[in-house]
């Protein structure tokens, strides 16, 4: 890689950490401890919703479903862990994967497992301090992490921008650059074999 590309990646790394800190600073609209059972969060009005969550630990195909009208966004600030064995974070109503940011601030691995790609997340995973391991798993959206490991047919489908996360229209869409530039080759290769981690640090 050239010095200009290295500088671009260094800036993308800095932007990822800045975006994570910004998302964490948002005032929660709801607070949860550990979510381990099926849960549906439904909002009837268009808005920017911020969930403070200790951890998500799903097995047996349990799911967190986010449901809101088109034009809404969800930011999930998760501090202690994300384990899907198997389980999902899904969208409903007018939401799409581009409307969801999962800001994981912990250091333990984000773990996907289960038969096939039954563990699924719809949204952008931002985990600058952690490894995201899909063994296997499906992300419809994007993964931005300290390291990404994939095996057994795991897939990241579609590079999406991070949504607006505040009524002031502050955008953190520059994170899409990290995925598009830094992970695309690894993701393509991982569809047929496990790949070595790509680290932000």
C-alpha atoms as a PDB file:
ATOM      1  CA  UNK A   1       0.000   0.000   0.000  1.00  0.00           C
ATOM      2  CA  UNK A   2       1.088   3.561  -0.660  1.00  0.00           C
ATOM      3  CA  UNK A   3       1.603   6.246   1.958  1.00  0.00           C
ATOM      4  CA  UNK A   4      -1.550   8.020   0.769  1.00  0.00           C
ATOM      5  CA  UNK A   5      -3.633   4.877   1.267  1.00  0.00           C
ATOM      6  CA  UNK A   6      -2.062   4.301   4.690  1.00  0.00           C
ATOM      7  CA  UNK A   7      -2.981   7.875   5.644  1.00  0.00           C
ATOM      8  CA  UNK A   8      -6.540   7.325   4.438  1.00  0.00           C
ATOM      9  CA  UNK A   9      -6.876   4.174   6.514  1.00  0.00           C
ATOM     10  CA  UNK A  10      -5.413   5.915   9.572  1.00  0.00           C
ATOM     11  CA  UNK A  11      -8.021   8.635   9.189  1.00  0.00           C
ATOM     12  CA  UNK A  12     -10.769   6.038   8.777  1.00  0.00           C
ATOM     13  CA  UNK A  13      -9.622   4.373  12.001  1.00  0.00           C
ATOM     14  CA  UNK A  14      -9.743   7.691  13.841  1.00  0.00           C
ATOM     15  CA  UNK A  15     -13.179   8.417  12.397  1.00  0.00           C
ATOM     16  CA  UNK A  16     -14.475   5.025  13.552  1.00  0.00           C
ATOM     17  CA  UNK A  17     -13.414   5.669  17.148  1.00  0.00           C
ATOM     18  CA  UNK A  18     -14.834   9.205  17.001  1.00  0.00           C
ATOM     19  CA  UNK A  19     -18.146   7.926  15.662  1.00  0.00           C
ATOM     20  CA  UNK A  20     -18.355   5.300  18.397  1.00  0.00           C
ATOM     21  CA  UNK A  21     -17.730   7.934  21.072  1.00  0.00           C
ATOM     22  CA  UNK A  22     -20.327  10.230  19.518  1.00  0.00           C
ATOM     23  CA  UNK A  23     -22.968   7.488  19.413  1.00  0.00           C
ATOM     24  CA  UNK A  24     -22.205   6.622  23.041  1.00  0.00           C
ATOM     25  CA  UNK A  25     -22.783  10.255  24.043  1.00  0.00           C
ATOM     26  CA  UNK A  26     -26.384  10.253  22.804  1.00  0.00           C
ATOM     27  CA  UNK A  27     -29.082  10.344  25.476  1.00  0.00           C
ATOM     28  CA  UNK A  28     -30.820   6.956  25.744  1.00  0.00           C
ATOM     29  CA  UNK A  29     -34.514   6.760  24.991  1.00  0.00           C
ATOM     30  CA  UNK A  30     -34.652   3.289  26.614  1.00  0.00           C
ATOM     31  CA  UNK A  31     -32.312   1.311  28.880  1.00  0.00           C
ATOM     32  CA  UNK A  32     -31.955  -2.463  29.175  1.00  0.00           C
ATOM     33  CA  UNK A  33     -29.766  -4.920  31.043  1.00  0.00           C
ATOM     34  CA  UNK A  34     -28.992  -8.250  29.383  1.00  0.00           C
ATOM     35  CA  UNK A  35     -31.475  -9.170  26.650  1.00  0.00           C
ATOM     36  CA  UNK A  36     -31.721 -12.952  26.367  1.00  0.00           C
ATOM     37  CA  UNK A  37     -35.327 -13.550  25.295  1.00  0.00           C
ATOM     38  CA  UNK A  38     -37.417 -12.496  22.320  1.00  0.00           C
ATOM     39  CA  UNK A  39     -38.071  -8.761  22.452  1.00  0.00           C
ATOM     40  CA  UNK A  40     -39.839  -6.444  20.040  1.00  0.00           C
ATOM     41  CA  UNK A  41     -39.392  -2.683  20.389  1.00  0.00           C
ATOM     42  CA  UNK A  42     -42.094  -0.812  18.478  1.00  0.00           C
ATOM     43  CA  UNK A  43     -42.253   2.926  17.947  1.00  0.00           C
ATOM     44  CA  UNK A  44     -45.281   4.476  16.261  1.00  0.00           C
ATOM     45  CA  UNK A  45     -43.739   7.858  15.466  1.00  0.00           C
ATOM     46  CA  UNK A  46     -40.787   8.782  13.272  1.00  0.00           C
ATOM     47  CA  UNK A  47     -37.791   9.455  15.471  1.00  0.00           C
ATOM     48  CA  UNK A  48     -34.170   8.820  16.375  1.00  0.00           C
ATOM     49  CA  UNK A  49     -34.174   6.128  19.056  1.00  0.00           C
ATOM     50  CA  UNK A  50     -31.192   5.303  21.261  1.00  0.00           C
ATOM     51  CA  UNK A  51     -31.074   2.066  23.263  1.00  0.00           C
ATOM     52  CA  UNK A  52     -28.567   1.577  26.073  1.00  0.00           C
ATOM     53  CA  UNK A  53     -28.032  -2.180  26.479  1.00  0.00           C
ATOM     54  CA  UNK A  54     -25.660  -4.079  28.748  1.00  0.00           C
ATOM     55  CA  UNK A  55     -25.493  -7.165  26.535  1.00  0.00           C
ATOM     56  CA  UNK A  56     -27.356  -9.363  24.070  1.00  0.00           C
ATOM     57  CA  UNK A  57     -27.076 -13.129  24.588  1.00  0.00           C
ATOM     58  CA  UNK A  58     -29.354 -15.169  22.335  1.00  0.00           C
ATOM     59  CA  UNK A  59     -29.705 -18.887  21.698  1.00  0.00           C
ATOM     60  CA  UNK A  60     -32.464 -20.977  20.175  1.00  0.00           C
ATOM     61  CA  UNK A  61     -33.194 -18.474  17.383  1.00  0.00           C
ATOM     62  CA  UNK A  62     -34.352 -15.716  19.719  1.00  0.00           C
ATOM     63  CA  UNK A  63     -34.470 -12.213  18.286  1.00  0.00           C
ATOM     64  CA  UNK A  64     -34.539  -8.515  19.040  1.00  0.00           C
ATOM     65  CA  UNK A  65     -36.909  -6.874  16.552  1.00  0.00           C
ATOM     66  CA  UNK A  66     -36.783  -3.120  15.946  1.00  0.00           C
ATOM     67  CA  UNK A  67     -39.982  -1.708  14.468  1.00  0.00           C
ATOM     68  CA  UNK A  68     -40.585   1.923  13.517  1.00  0.00           C
ATOM     69  CA  UNK A  69     -41.897   4.001  10.609  1.00  0.00           C
ATOM     70  CA  UNK A  70     -39.725   4.860   7.621  1.00  0.00           C
ATOM     71  CA  UNK A  71     -37.453   7.786   8.375  1.00  0.00           C
ATOM     72  CA  UNK A  72     -36.617   6.522  11.861  1.00  0.00           C
ATOM     73  CA  UNK A  73     -33.211   5.402  13.128  1.00  0.00           C
ATOM     74  CA  UNK A  74     -32.024   3.182  15.960  1.00  0.00           C
ATOM     75  CA  UNK A  75     -28.660   3.388  17.729  1.00  0.00           C
ATOM     76  CA  UNK A  76     -27.898   0.453  20.042  1.00  0.00           C
ATOM     77  CA  UNK A  77     -25.102   1.256  22.488  1.00  0.00           C
ATOM     78  CA  UNK A  78     -24.041  -2.150  23.822  1.00  0.00           C
ATOM     79  CA  UNK A  79     -21.313  -2.296  26.463  1.00  0.00           C
ATOM     80  CA  UNK A  80     -20.673  -5.859  27.637  1.00  0.00           C
ATOM     81  CA  UNK A  81     -21.224  -8.416  24.893  1.00  0.00           C
ATOM     82  CA  UNK A  82     -23.056  -9.668  21.811  1.00  0.00           C
ATOM     83  CA  UNK A  83     -23.439 -13.450  21.549  1.00  0.00           C
ATOM     84  CA  UNK A  84     -25.753 -15.056  18.976  1.00  0.00           C
ATOM     85  CA  UNK A  85     -25.849 -18.893  19.143  1.00  0.00           C
ATOM     86  CA  UNK A  86     -28.186 -18.607  17.278  1.00  0.00           C
ATOM     87  CA  UNK A  87     -30.139 -15.369  17.369  1.00  0.00           C
ATOM     88  CA  UNK A  88     -30.816 -12.191  15.456  1.00  0.00           C
ATOM     89  CA  UNK A  89     -31.291  -8.436  15.496  1.00  0.00           C
ATOM     90  CA  UNK A  90     -34.003  -7.737  12.940  1.00  0.00           C
ATOM     91  CA  UNK A  91     -35.902  -4.775  11.497  1.00  0.00           C
ATOM     92  CA  UNK A  92     -39.592  -4.347  10.765  1.00  0.00           C
ATOM     93  CA  UNK A  93     -42.092  -1.676   9.764  1.00  0.00           C
ATOM     94  CA  UNK A  94     -40.417   0.983   7.643  1.00  0.00           C
ATOM     95  CA  UNK A  95     -36.892   0.277   8.870  1.00  0.00           C
ATOM     96  CA  UNK A  96     -34.055  -1.147   6.801  1.00  0.00           C
ATOM     97  CA  UNK A  97     -30.510  -2.140   7.684  1.00  0.00           C
ATOM     98  CA  UNK A  98     -29.324   1.370   6.784  1.00  0.00           C
ATOM     99  CA  UNK A  99     -31.343   2.741   9.714  1.00  0.00           C
ATOM    100  CA  UNK A 100     -29.618   0.742  12.462  1.00  0.00           C
ATOM    101  CA  UNK A 101     -26.228   1.319  14.104  1.00  0.00           C
ATOM    102  CA  UNK A 102     -24.995  -1.236  16.637  1.00  0.00           C
ATOM    103  CA  UNK A 103     -22.266   0.546  18.565  1.00  0.00           C
ATOM    104  CA  UNK A 104     -20.442  -2.091  20.605  1.00  0.00           C
ATOM    105  CA  UNK A 105     -17.955  -0.526  23.019  1.00  0.00           C
ATOM    106  CA  UNK A 106     -16.716  -3.684  24.746  1.00  0.00           C
ATOM    107  CA  UNK A 107     -13.548  -5.661  24.089  1.00  0.00           C
ATOM    108  CA  UNK A 108     -14.781  -9.271  24.205  1.00  0.00           C
ATOM    109  CA  UNK A 109     -15.522 -10.902  20.848  1.00  0.00           C
ATOM    110  CA  UNK A 110     -18.841 -10.360  19.099  1.00  0.00           C
ATOM    111  CA  UNK A 111     -19.773 -14.005  18.453  1.00  0.00           C
ATOM    112  CA  UNK A 112     -22.041 -15.443  15.791  1.00  0.00           C
ATOM    113  CA  UNK A 113     -22.601 -19.204  15.541  1.00  0.00           C
ATOM    114  CA  UNK A 114     -25.304 -21.765  14.852  1.00  0.00           C
ATOM    115  CA  UNK A 115     -26.255 -23.913  11.893  1.00  0.00           C
ATOM    116  CA  UNK A 116     -26.056 -22.174   8.547  1.00  0.00           C
ATOM    117  CA  UNK A 117     -26.341 -18.405   8.790  1.00  0.00           C
ATOM    118  CA  UNK A 118     -29.192 -18.518  11.284  1.00  0.00           C
ATOM    119  CA  UNK A 119     -27.497 -15.836  13.410  1.00  0.00           C
ATOM    120  CA  UNK A 120     -28.202 -12.550  11.664  1.00  0.00           C
ATOM    121  CA  UNK A 121     -27.879  -8.824  12.211  1.00  0.00           C
ATOM    122  CA  UNK A 122     -29.512  -6.188  10.047  1.00  0.00           C
ATOM    123  CA  UNK A 123     -27.524  -2.981  10.450  1.00  0.00           C
ATOM    124  CA  UNK A 124     -24.011  -1.633  10.761  1.00  0.00           C
ATOM    125  CA  UNK A 125     -21.861  -3.168  13.495  1.00  0.00           C
ATOM    126  CA  UNK A 126     -19.331  -0.669  14.841  1.00  0.00           C
ATOM    127  CA  UNK A 127     -16.918  -2.449  17.213  1.00  0.00           C
ATOM    128  CA  UNK A 128     -13.575  -0.604  17.092  1.00  0.00           C
ATOM    129  CA  UNK A 129     -12.235  -2.330  20.229  1.00  0.00           C
ATOM    130  CA  UNK A 130     -13.319  -5.895  19.450  1.00  0.00           C
ATOM    131  CA  UNK A 131     -13.187  -8.816  17.057  1.00  0.00           C
ATOM    132  CA  UNK A 132     -16.388  -9.686  15.202  1.00  0.00           C
ATOM    133  CA  UNK A 133     -16.440 -13.434  14.551  1.00  0.00           C
ATOM    134  CA  UNK A 134     -18.968 -14.900  12.124  1.00  0.00           C
ATOM    135  CA  UNK A 135     -18.626 -18.692  12.452  1.00  0.00           C
ATOM    136  CA  UNK A 136     -20.926 -18.596  10.641  1.00  0.00           C
ATOM    137  CA  UNK A 137     -23.378 -15.712  10.529  1.00  0.00           C
ATOM    138  CA  UNK A 138     -24.959 -13.109   8.271  1.00  0.00           C
ATOM    139  CA  UNK A 139     -24.747  -9.340   8.501  1.00  0.00           C
ATOM    140  CA  UNK A 140     -27.033  -7.440   6.163  1.00  0.00           C
ATOM    141  CA  UNK A 141     -25.240  -4.125   6.295  1.00  0.00           C
ATOM    142  CA  UNK A 142     -21.624  -3.532   7.274  1.00  0.00           C
ATOM    143  CA  UNK A 143     -18.991  -4.507   9.833  1.00  0.00           C
ATOM    144  CA  UNK A 144     -16.403  -2.057  11.147  1.00  0.00           C
ATOM    145  CA  UNK A 145     -14.221  -3.654  13.799  1.00  0.00           C
ATOM    146  CA  UNK A 146     -10.767  -4.054  15.269  1.00  0.00           C
ATOM    147  CA  UNK A 147     -10.741  -7.476  13.577  1.00  0.00           C
ATOM    148  CA  UNK A 148     -13.159  -9.541  11.520  1.00  0.00           C
ATOM    149  CA  UNK A 149     -13.023 -13.338  11.242  1.00  0.00           C
ATOM    150  CA  UNK A 150     -15.370 -15.435   9.100  1.00  0.00           C
ATOM    151  CA  UNK A 151     -15.856 -19.123   8.293  1.00  0.00           C
ATOM    152  CA  UNK A 152     -18.326 -21.783   7.165  1.00  0.00           C
ATOM    153  CA  UNK A 153     -20.167 -19.677   4.606  1.00  0.00           C
ATOM    154  CA  UNK A 154     -20.469 -16.516   6.713  1.00  0.00           C
ATOM    155  CA  UNK A 155     -21.492 -13.450   4.741  1.00  0.00           C
ATOM    156  CA  UNK A 156     -21.632  -9.671   4.953  1.00  0.00           C
ATOM    157  CA  UNK A 157     -24.185  -8.562   2.409  1.00  0.00           C
ATOM    158  CA  UNK A 158     -24.133  -4.979   1.220  1.00  0.00           C
ATOM    159  CA  UNK A 159     -22.020  -1.989   2.237  1.00  0.00           C
ATOM    160  CA  UNK A 160     -24.359   0.561   3.748  1.00  0.00           C
ATOM    161  CA  UNK A 161     -23.851   4.042   5.203  1.00  0.00           C
ATOM    162  CA  UNK A 162     -24.284   4.545   8.919  1.00  0.00           C
ATOM    163  CA  UNK A 163     -27.593   6.359   9.504  1.00  0.00           C
ATOM    164  CA  UNK A 164     -28.193   9.812  10.876  1.00  0.00           C
ATOM    165  CA  UNK A 165     -28.137   9.389  14.620  1.00  0.00           C
ATOM    166  CA  UNK A 166     -29.408  12.684  15.988  1.00  0.00           C
ATOM    167  CA  UNK A 167     -32.123  15.201  15.172  1.00  0.00           C
ATOM    168  CA  UNK A 168     -29.367  17.724  14.486  1.00  0.00           C
ATOM    169  CA  UNK A 169     -28.610  15.688  11.346  1.00  0.00           C
ATOM    170  CA  UNK A 170     -25.037  14.946  12.420  1.00  0.00           C
ATOM    171  CA  UNK A 171     -23.894  12.251  10.011  1.00  0.00           C
ATOM    172  CA  UNK A 172     -21.361   9.526  10.597  1.00  0.00           C
ATOM    173  CA  UNK A 173     -21.661   8.070   7.129  1.00  0.00           C
ATOM    174  CA  UNK A 174     -17.914   8.313   6.610  1.00  0.00           C
ATOM    175  CA  UNK A 175     -17.731   4.898   8.281  1.00  0.00           C
ATOM    176  CA  UNK A 176     -18.863   3.390   5.013  1.00  0.00           C
ATOM    177  CA  UNK A 177     -15.374   4.176   3.718  1.00  0.00           C
ATOM    178  CA  UNK A 178     -13.825   1.804   6.246  1.00  0.00           C
ATOM    179  CA  UNK A 179     -15.957  -1.052   5.015  1.00  0.00           C
ATOM    180  CA  UNK A 180     -15.761  -0.296   1.318  1.00  0.00           C
ATOM    181  CA  UNK A 181     -12.010   0.201   1.300  1.00  0.00           C
ATOM    182  CA  UNK A 182     -10.675  -1.931   4.118  1.00  0.00           C
ATOM    183  CA  UNK A 183     -12.899  -5.007   4.220  1.00  0.00           C
ATOM    184  CA  UNK A 184     -14.295  -5.735   0.764  1.00  0.00           C
ATOM    185  CA  UNK A 185     -11.450  -8.004  -0.333  1.00  0.00           C
ATOM    186  CA  UNK A 186     -11.471  -9.906   2.961  1.00  0.00           C
ATOM    187  CA  UNK A 187     -15.236 -10.366   2.877  1.00  0.00           C
ATOM    188  CA  UNK A 188     -15.155 -11.737  -0.657  1.00  0.00           C
ATOM    189  CA  UNK A 189     -12.440 -14.218   0.230  1.00  0.00           C
ATOM    190  CA  UNK A 190     -14.190 -15.259   3.429  1.00  0.00           C
ATOM    191  CA  UNK A 191     -17.193 -16.519   1.531  1.00  0.00           C
ATOM    192  CA  UNK A 192     -15.116 -19.520   0.504  1.00  0.00           C
ATOM    193  CA  UNK A 193     -12.632 -19.794   3.368  1.00  0.00           C
ATOM    194  CA  UNK A 194     -11.710 -18.365   6.750  1.00  0.00           C
ATOM    195  CA  UNK A 195      -9.551 -15.260   6.576  1.00  0.00           C
ATOM    196  CA  UNK A 196      -6.949 -13.763   8.838  1.00  0.00           C
ATOM    197  CA  UNK A 197      -8.225 -10.871  10.973  1.00  0.00           C
ATOM    198  CA  UNK A 198      -7.939  -7.343   9.579  1.00  0.00           C
ATOM    199  CA  UNK A 199      -7.216  -4.983  12.399  1.00  0.00           C
ATOM    200  CA  UNK A 200      -7.886  -1.289  12.862  1.00  0.00           C
ATOM    201  CA  UNK A 201      -5.102  -1.001  15.404  1.00  0.00           C
END
